[in-house]
Amino acid sequence: MSNRAVLEVIALDAEDAVAAQSGGADRLELVSDMASDGLTPSRETFASIRAAVDIPLRVMLRLADGFEAGDADGLVRAARGLRAEGADEFVLGFLDEDGMPDLVTVERLLAELDGCRWTFHRAIDRATDRDALRKQLADLPGLDTYLTAGSAAGVDDGLPTLLAEAARRGEPGYEPRILVGGGLRLDHVPVLRGAGVDAFHIGGAARPQGWSAPVDPGAVAGWRSALDA
C-alpha cells in the first residue's frame, strides 16, 4: 500500500519498542529523559532496542533541554558512539541565539553521520524564519524529514502553517517529508491527510497512563487504524 502513512512513536526502552511495533508503528524515535523533552539515549539502550525490534530507529542527538547545541564536542562523541553501535538514522536540530540554524554544529554532526538519513526536529517551530531555515538546510546530506507542529504551541495553533507547507512540497527547501507531531490529536488527522501529509509522530498519545507507564500497544493500534482509514 504505497499511500500508507508513516506512524513514528517515541520509545524510551525495549519494552516501549516492542509495544509500539506490535501496535503498528512504522518507526521509533529513541530518546531519554522526557522531562527535558527528549535527550540522547545511551548506546546500551540503543543496542537493547535494536535487538528487540526490526523497524527503523531514529536516535535523538540532544544533550540538554532547549534548542541551542551546548556541548558540541559531547554531541559529536555521542553520534560517533551510536554510529559504532549500528545506529543509522538520527534526529537533531539546533538554533543559534538569533533563532536561525546552528549550521556549524549541524555540519559537525553530519560529518559523523556520513550520509545517514535524519530528521530536523521541532527546533523549526522555534525558528525566527521557517522558510529561511528550510532554504539554509536544503542542501545538507541525509535530511529527509522535518518534525513539526507548525507552531511552538502545538498542532492546534500550527495547522494553517502545516497546510501551507504541505502545499509547497517539492519546492526548494520543501522536499523533505513533513512529520507532524507536538500536541497532535486524532481529530487533526483527516485534514492533514487531506492535504497530503503522510507522516505522524506520537509520544504522550501512545501512553494513556502517562510518561511513567510504558507505551500501550492498543493506543498505537488506534492511531494505526485512523491513519489507514
C-alpha atoms as a PDB file:
ATOM      1  CA  MET A   1       0.000   0.000   0.000  1.00  0.00           C
ATOM      2  CA  SER A   2       2.029   2.917  -1.298  1.00  0.00           C
ATOM      3  CA  ASN A   3      -0.057   5.636   0.350  1.00  0.00           C
ATOM      4  CA  ARG A   4       0.237   4.136   3.837  1.00  0.00           C
ATOM      5  CA  ALA A   5       1.098   6.914   6.272  1.00  0.00           C
ATOM      6  CA  VAL A   6       4.172   6.583   8.468  1.00  0.00           C
ATOM      7  CA  LEU A   7       3.496   6.320  12.206  1.00  0.00           C
ATOM      8  CA  GLU A   8       6.515   7.170  14.374  1.00  0.00           C
ATOM      9  CA  VAL A   9       6.310   6.535  18.125  1.00  0.00           C
ATOM     10  CA  ILE A  10       8.649   7.747  20.873  1.00  0.00           C
ATOM     11  CA  ALA A  11      10.321   4.859  22.708  1.00  0.00           C
ATOM     12  CA  LEU A  12      12.412   5.070  25.870  1.00  0.00           C
ATOM     13  CA  ASP A  13      13.359   1.401  26.179  1.00  0.00           C
ATOM     14  CA  ALA A  14      12.937  -2.061  24.653  1.00  0.00           C
ATOM     15  CA  GLU A  15       9.552  -2.611  26.341  1.00  0.00           C
ATOM     16  CA  ASP A  16       8.206   0.550  24.658  1.00  0.00           C
ATOM     17  CA  ALA A  17       9.719  -0.506  21.360  1.00  0.00           C
ATOM     18  CA  VAL A  18       8.104  -3.938  21.337  1.00  0.00           C
ATOM     19  CA  ALA A  19       4.721  -2.475  22.321  1.00  0.00           C
ATOM     20  CA  ALA A  20       4.914   0.216  19.649  1.00  0.00           C
ATOM     21  CA  GLN A  21       5.895  -2.225  16.908  1.00  0.00           C
ATOM     22  CA  SER A  22       3.121  -4.629  17.906  1.00  0.00           C
ATOM     23  CA  GLY A  23       0.610  -1.760  17.749  1.00  0.00           C
ATOM     24  CA  GLY A  24       1.615  -0.936  14.188  1.00  0.00           C
ATOM     25  CA  ALA A  25       4.354   1.698  14.472  1.00  0.00           C
ATOM     26  CA  ASP A  26       6.500   2.025  11.349  1.00  0.00           C
ATOM     27  CA  ARG A  27       9.424   3.718  13.050  1.00  0.00           C
ATOM     28  CA  LEU A  28      10.596   4.709  16.523  1.00  0.00           C
ATOM     29  CA  GLU A  29      12.202   7.875  17.819  1.00  0.00           C
ATOM     30  CA  LEU A  30      14.595   6.876  20.590  1.00  0.00           C
ATOM     31  CA  VAL A  31      15.086   9.341  23.419  1.00  0.00           C
ATOM     32  CA  SER A  32      15.803   9.516  27.128  1.00  0.00           C
ATOM     33  CA  ASP A  33      14.628  11.986  29.783  1.00  0.00           C
ATOM     34  CA  MET A  34      11.237  13.223  28.614  1.00  0.00           C
ATOM     35  CA  ALA A  35      11.315  15.737  31.482  1.00  0.00           C
ATOM     36  CA  SER A  36      13.852  17.551  29.292  1.00  0.00           C
ATOM     37  CA  ASP A  37      11.696  16.948  26.205  1.00  0.00           C
ATOM     38  CA  GLY A  38      13.830  14.066  24.930  1.00  0.00           C
ATOM     39  CA  LEU A  39      17.608  13.686  25.084  1.00  0.00           C
ATOM     40  CA  THR A  40      20.125  11.251  23.561  1.00  0.00           C
ATOM     41  CA  PRO A  41      19.724   7.674  24.829  1.00  0.00           C
ATOM     42  CA  SER A  42      22.721   5.611  25.867  1.00  0.00           C
ATOM     43  CA  ARG A  43      24.470   3.242  23.494  1.00  0.00           C
ATOM     44  CA  GLU A  44      23.269   0.382  25.719  1.00  0.00           C
ATOM     45  CA  THR A  45      19.651   1.496  25.378  1.00  0.00           C
ATOM     46  CA  PHE A  46      20.005   1.749  21.617  1.00  0.00           C
ATOM     47  CA  ALA A  47      21.543  -1.724  21.456  1.00  0.00           C
ATOM     48  CA  SER A  48      18.783  -3.291  23.566  1.00  0.00           C
ATOM     49  CA  ILE A  49      16.061  -1.684  21.438  1.00  0.00           C
ATOM     50  CA  ARG A  50      17.797  -2.632  18.184  1.00  0.00           C
ATOM     51  CA  ALA A  51      17.888  -6.244  19.386  1.00  0.00           C
ATOM     52  CA  ALA A  52      14.193  -6.178  20.340  1.00  0.00           C
ATOM     53  CA  VAL A  53      12.548  -4.840  17.155  1.00  0.00           C
ATOM     54  CA  ASP A  54      13.187  -4.792  13.422  1.00  0.00           C
ATOM     55  CA  ILE A  55      11.611  -1.454  12.416  1.00  0.00           C
ATOM     56  CA  PRO A  56      13.690   1.666  11.702  1.00  0.00           C
ATOM     57  CA  LEU A  57      15.027   3.613  14.691  1.00  0.00           C
ATOM     58  CA  ARG A  58      15.766   7.345  14.642  1.00  0.00           C
ATOM     59  CA  VAL A  59      18.020   8.309  17.542  1.00  0.00           C
ATOM     60  CA  MET A  60      17.885  11.756  19.165  1.00  0.00           C
ATOM     61  CA  LEU A  61      21.104  13.788  19.271  1.00  0.00           C
ATOM     62  CA  ARG A  62      20.443  16.343  22.013  1.00  0.00           C
ATOM     63  CA  LEU A  63      22.242  16.660  25.341  1.00  0.00           C
ATOM     64  CA  ALA A  64      20.302  19.446  27.093  1.00  0.00           C
ATOM     65  CA  ASP A  65      16.808  20.896  27.215  1.00  0.00           C
ATOM     66  CA  GLY A  66      16.243  23.735  24.762  1.00  0.00           C
ATOM     67  CA  PHE A  67      17.322  24.290  21.175  1.00  0.00           C
ATOM     68  CA  GLU A  68      20.897  25.548  21.471  1.00  0.00           C
ATOM     69  CA  ALA A  69      23.580  22.949  20.837  1.00  0.00           C
ATOM     70  CA  GLY A  70      25.503  23.446  24.078  1.00  0.00           C
ATOM     71  CA  ASP A  71      28.259  20.811  24.275  1.00  0.00           C
ATOM     72  CA  ALA A  72      29.036  20.282  20.589  1.00  0.00           C
ATOM     73  CA  ASP A  73      32.026  18.046  21.382  1.00  0.00           C
ATOM     74  CA  GLY A  74      29.763  15.860  23.529  1.00  0.00           C
ATOM     75  CA  LEU A  75      27.234  15.639  20.692  1.00  0.00           C
ATOM     76  CA  VAL A  76      29.955  14.540  18.291  1.00  0.00           C
ATOM     77  CA  ARG A  77      31.103  11.859  20.755  1.00  0.00           C
ATOM     78  CA  ALA A  78      27.515  10.665  21.214  1.00  0.00           C
ATOM     79  CA  ALA A  79      26.957  10.480  17.468  1.00  0.00           C
ATOM     80  CA  ARG A  80      30.221   8.584  16.969  1.00  0.00           C
ATOM     81  CA  GLY A  81      29.345   6.092  19.693  1.00  0.00           C
ATOM     82  CA  LEU A  82      25.842   5.469  18.371  1.00  0.00           C
ATOM     83  CA  ARG A  83      27.169   5.010  14.840  1.00  0.00           C
ATOM     84  CA  ALA A  84      29.658   2.480  16.176  1.00  0.00           C
ATOM     85  CA  GLU A  85      26.726   0.668  17.829  1.00  0.00           C
ATOM     86  CA  GLY A  86      24.952   0.474  14.466  1.00  0.00           C
ATOM     87  CA  ALA A  87      22.583   3.456  14.571  1.00  0.00           C
ATOM     88  CA  ASP A  88      21.897   4.661  11.039  1.00  0.00           C
ATOM     89  CA  GLU A  89      19.050   7.207  11.370  1.00  0.00           C
ATOM     90  CA  PHE A  90      19.023  10.276  13.598  1.00  0.00           C
ATOM     91  CA  VAL A  91      17.034  13.252  14.885  1.00  0.00           C
ATOM     92  CA  LEU A  92      18.705  16.599  15.553  1.00  0.00           C
ATOM     93  CA  GLY A  93      18.299  20.342  15.200  1.00  0.00           C
ATOM     94  CA  PHE A  94      19.923  23.368  16.789  1.00  0.00           C
ATOM     95  CA  LEU A  95      19.329  27.106  16.638  1.00  0.00           C
ATOM     96  CA  ASP A  96      21.727  29.957  17.300  1.00  0.00           C
ATOM     97  CA  GLU A  97      20.885  32.910  19.546  1.00  0.00           C
ATOM     98  CA  ASP A  98      19.164  34.642  16.615  1.00  0.00           C
ATOM     99  CA  GLY A  99      16.773  31.727  16.123  1.00  0.00           C
ATOM    100  CA  MET A 100      18.428  30.584  12.907  1.00  0.00           C
ATOM    101  CA  PRO A 101      20.030  27.172  12.252  1.00  0.00           C
ATOM    102  CA  ASP A 102      23.311  26.493  14.022  1.00  0.00           C
ATOM    103  CA  LEU A 103      24.961  25.248  10.847  1.00  0.00           C
ATOM    104  CA  VAL A 104      28.385  24.837  12.434  1.00  0.00           C
ATOM    105  CA  THR A 105      27.124  22.250  14.915  1.00  0.00           C
ATOM    106  CA  VAL A 106      24.768  20.568  12.451  1.00  0.00           C
ATOM    107  CA  GLU A 107      27.546  20.171   9.880  1.00  0.00           C
ATOM    108  CA  ARG A 108      29.952  18.793  12.504  1.00  0.00           C
ATOM    109  CA  LEU A 109      27.375  16.129  13.351  1.00  0.00           C
ATOM    110  CA  LEU A 110      26.659  15.347   9.716  1.00  0.00           C
ATOM    111  CA  ALA A 111      30.357  14.648   9.228  1.00  0.00           C
ATOM    112  CA  GLU A 112      29.959  11.881  11.845  1.00  0.00           C
ATOM    113  CA  LEU A 113      26.673  10.622  10.379  1.00  0.00           C
ATOM    114  CA  ASP A 114      28.325  10.161   6.989  1.00  0.00           C
ATOM    115  CA  GLY A 115      25.201  10.249   4.826  1.00  0.00           C
ATOM    116  CA  CYS A 116      22.733   8.721   7.302  1.00  0.00           C
ATOM    117  CA  ARG A 117      19.141   9.884   6.987  1.00  0.00           C
ATOM    118  CA  TRP A 118      17.959  12.314   9.638  1.00  0.00           C
ATOM    119  CA  THR A 119      15.072  14.443  10.866  1.00  0.00           C
ATOM    120  CA  PHE A 120      15.373  18.134  11.741  1.00  0.00           C
ATOM    121  CA  HIS A 121      13.141  18.258  14.791  1.00  0.00           C
ATOM    122  CA  ARG A 122      10.843  20.824  16.359  1.00  0.00           C
ATOM    123  CA  ALA A 123      13.577  23.454  16.596  1.00  0.00           C
ATOM    124  CA  ILE A 124      11.937  24.592  13.331  1.00  0.00           C
ATOM    125  CA  ASP A 125       8.900  25.590  15.413  1.00  0.00           C
ATOM    126  CA  ARG A 126      11.115  27.986  17.426  1.00  0.00           C
ATOM    127  CA  ALA A 127      12.931  29.436  14.405  1.00  0.00           C
ATOM    128  CA  THR A 128      12.773  33.146  13.605  1.00  0.00           C
ATOM    129  CA  ASP A 129      12.017  32.381   9.954  1.00  0.00           C
ATOM    130  CA  ARG A 130      10.883  28.876   8.983  1.00  0.00           C
ATOM    131  CA  ASP A 131      11.212  29.463   5.256  1.00  0.00           C
ATOM    132  CA  ALA A 132      14.773  30.791   5.571  1.00  0.00           C
ATOM    133  CA  LEU A 133      15.683  27.846   7.826  1.00  0.00           C
ATOM    134  CA  ARG A 134      14.418  25.340   5.267  1.00  0.00           C
ATOM    135  CA  LYS A 135      16.389  27.041   2.491  1.00  0.00           C
ATOM    136  CA  GLN A 136      19.581  27.151   4.590  1.00  0.00           C
ATOM    137  CA  LEU A 137      19.303  23.422   5.301  1.00  0.00           C
ATOM    138  CA  ALA A 138      18.141  22.413   1.815  1.00  0.00           C
ATOM    139  CA  ASP A 139      21.443  21.031   0.554  1.00  0.00           C
ATOM    140  CA  LEU A 140      22.548  19.166   3.688  1.00  0.00           C
ATOM    141  CA  PRO A 141      23.156  15.438   3.103  1.00  0.00           C
ATOM    142  CA  GLY A 142      20.652  12.995   4.552  1.00  0.00           C
ATOM    143  CA  LEU A 143      17.960  15.480   5.644  1.00  0.00           C
ATOM    144  CA  ASP A 144      14.694  13.800   4.635  1.00  0.00           C
ATOM    145  CA  THR A 145      12.184  14.896   7.315  1.00  0.00           C
ATOM    146  CA  TYR A 146      11.025  17.857   9.392  1.00  0.00           C
ATOM    147  CA  LEU A 147       9.300  17.016  12.679  1.00  0.00           C
ATOM    148  CA  THR A 148       6.983  19.969  13.223  1.00  0.00           C
ATOM    149  CA  ALA A 149       3.722  21.055  14.796  1.00  0.00           C
ATOM    150  CA  GLY A 150       3.698  24.210  12.674  1.00  0.00           C
ATOM    151  CA  SER A 151       3.954  26.254  15.882  1.00  0.00           C
ATOM    152  CA  ALA A 152       5.816  26.164  19.182  1.00  0.00           C
ATOM    153  CA  ALA A 153       2.388  25.942  20.828  1.00  0.00           C
ATOM    154  CA  GLY A 154       1.402  22.731  19.039  1.00  0.00           C
ATOM    155  CA  VAL A 155      -0.673  21.488  16.123  1.00  0.00           C
ATOM    156  CA  ASP A 156      -3.847  23.392  17.061  1.00  0.00           C
ATOM    157  CA  ASP A 157      -2.011  26.689  16.516  1.00  0.00           C
ATOM    158  CA  GLY A 158       0.224  25.375  13.756  1.00  0.00           C
ATOM    159  CA  LEU A 159      -2.345  23.756  11.476  1.00  0.00           C
ATOM    160  CA  PRO A 160      -2.509  26.653   8.953  1.00  0.00           C
ATOM    161  CA  THR A 161       1.301  26.633   8.694  1.00  0.00           C
ATOM    162  CA  LEU A 162       1.403  22.855   8.244  1.00  0.00           C
ATOM    163  CA  LEU A 163      -1.187  23.001   5.466  1.00  0.00           C
ATOM    164  CA  ALA A 164       0.654  25.847   3.729  1.00  0.00           C
ATOM    165  CA  GLU A 165       3.983  23.993   3.906  1.00  0.00           C
ATOM    166  CA  ALA A 166       2.415  20.744   2.703  1.00  0.00           C
ATOM    167  CA  ALA A 167       1.140  22.626  -0.358  1.00  0.00           C
ATOM    168  CA  ARG A 168       4.738  23.635  -1.164  1.00  0.00           C
ATOM    169  CA  ARG A 169       6.118  20.073  -1.132  1.00  0.00           C
ATOM    170  CA  GLY A 170       8.782  19.719  -3.798  1.00  0.00           C
ATOM    171  CA  GLU A 171       9.826  23.395  -3.862  1.00  0.00           C
ATOM    172  CA  PRO A 172      13.435  24.180  -2.856  1.00  0.00           C
ATOM    173  CA  GLY A 173      13.650  23.641   0.901  1.00  0.00           C
ATOM    174  CA  TYR A 174      10.311  21.802   0.967  1.00  0.00           C
ATOM    175  CA  GLU A 175      11.400  18.429  -0.421  1.00  0.00           C
ATOM    176  CA  PRO A 176      11.774  16.725   2.988  1.00  0.00           C
ATOM    177  CA  ARG A 177       8.739  14.918   4.336  1.00  0.00           C
ATOM    178  CA  ILE A 178       6.603  16.699   6.934  1.00  0.00           C
ATOM    179  CA  LEU A 179       6.321  14.555  10.073  1.00  0.00           C
ATOM    180  CA  VAL A 180       3.601  16.120  12.229  1.00  0.00           C
ATOM    181  CA  GLY A 181       3.995  15.896  15.986  1.00  0.00           C
ATOM    182  CA  GLY A 182       3.536  18.046  19.065  1.00  0.00           C
ATOM    183  CA  GLY A 183       0.045  18.208  20.526  1.00  0.00           C
ATOM    184  CA  LEU A 184      -1.212  16.049  17.648  1.00  0.00           C
ATOM    185  CA  ARG A 185      -4.688  14.549  18.149  1.00  0.00           C
ATOM    186  CA  LEU A 186      -6.681  12.027  16.159  1.00  0.00           C
ATOM    187  CA  ASP A 187      -9.138  14.749  15.081  1.00  0.00           C
ATOM    188  CA  HIS A 188      -6.270  16.558  13.296  1.00  0.00           C
ATOM    189  CA  VAL A 189      -5.540  13.535  11.099  1.00  0.00           C
ATOM    190  CA  PRO A 190      -8.271  13.823   8.407  1.00  0.00           C
ATOM    191  CA  VAL A 191      -7.457  17.419   7.464  1.00  0.00           C
ATOM    192  CA  LEU A 192      -3.711  16.699   7.434  1.00  0.00           C
ATOM    193  CA  ARG A 193      -4.152  13.536   5.364  1.00  0.00           C
ATOM    194  CA  GLY A 194      -6.393  15.503   3.004  1.00  0.00           C
ATOM    195  CA  ALA A 195      -3.553  17.988   2.496  1.00  0.00           C
ATOM    196  CA  GLY A 196      -1.161  15.190   1.587  1.00  0.00           C
ATOM    197  CA  VAL A 197       0.666  14.884   4.928  1.00  0.00           C
ATOM    198  CA  ASP A 198       1.747  11.261   5.236  1.00  0.00           C
ATOM    199  CA  ALA A 199       3.797  11.025   8.445  1.00  0.00           C
ATOM    200  CA  PHE A 200       2.710  11.356  12.072  1.00  0.00           C
ATOM    201  CA  HIS A 201       4.658  11.326  15.350  1.00  0.00           C
ATOM    202  CA  ILE A 202       3.190  10.490  18.757  1.00  0.00           C
ATOM    203  CA  GLY A 203       4.617  10.431  22.258  1.00  0.00           C
ATOM    204  CA  GLY A 204       2.107  11.009  25.030  1.00  0.00           C
ATOM    205  CA  ALA A 205      -0.727   9.797  22.798  1.00  0.00           C
ATOM    206  CA  ALA A 206       0.826   6.320  22.890  1.00  0.00           C
ATOM    207  CA  ARG A 207       0.790   6.379  26.720  1.00  0.00           C
ATOM    208  CA  PRO A 208      -2.720   6.930  28.107  1.00  0.00           C
ATOM    209  CA  GLN A 209      -1.328   6.299  31.612  1.00  0.00           C
ATOM    210  CA  GLY A 210       1.326   9.000  31.281  1.00  0.00           C
ATOM    211  CA  TRP A 211       5.082   9.012  30.769  1.00  0.00           C
ATOM    212  CA  SER A 212       5.742   6.885  33.841  1.00  0.00           C
ATOM    213  CA  ALA A 213       3.933   3.988  32.140  1.00  0.00           C
ATOM    214  CA  PRO A 214       5.090   2.126  29.025  1.00  0.00           C
ATOM    215  CA  VAL A 215       3.740   2.515  25.505  1.00  0.00           C
ATOM    216  CA  ASP A 216       0.258   0.984  25.169  1.00  0.00           C
ATOM    217  CA  PRO A 217       0.045  -1.175  22.023  1.00  0.00           C
ATOM    218  CA  GLY A 218      -3.720  -0.630  21.920  1.00  0.00           C
ATOM    219  CA  ALA A 219      -3.276   3.153  21.798  1.00  0.00           C
ATOM    220  CA  VAL A 220      -0.758   2.778  18.967  1.00  0.00           C
ATOM    221  CA  ALA A 221      -3.161   0.446  17.138  1.00  0.00           C
ATOM    222  CA  GLY A 222      -5.886   3.102  17.394  1.00  0.00           C
ATOM    223  CA  TRP A 223      -3.614   5.566  15.622  1.00  0.00           C
ATOM    224  CA  ARG A 224      -2.638   2.967  13.022  1.00  0.00           C
ATOM    225  CA  SER A 225      -6.324   2.401  12.261  1.00  0.00           C
ATOM    226  CA  ALA A 226      -7.017   6.132  11.998  1.00  0.00           C
ATOM    227  CA  LEU A 227      -4.097   6.673   9.610  1.00  0.00           C
ATOM    228  CA  ASP A 228      -5.152   3.715   7.464  1.00  0.00           C
ATOM    229  CA  ALA A 229      -8.805   4.752   7.327  1.00  0.00           C
END
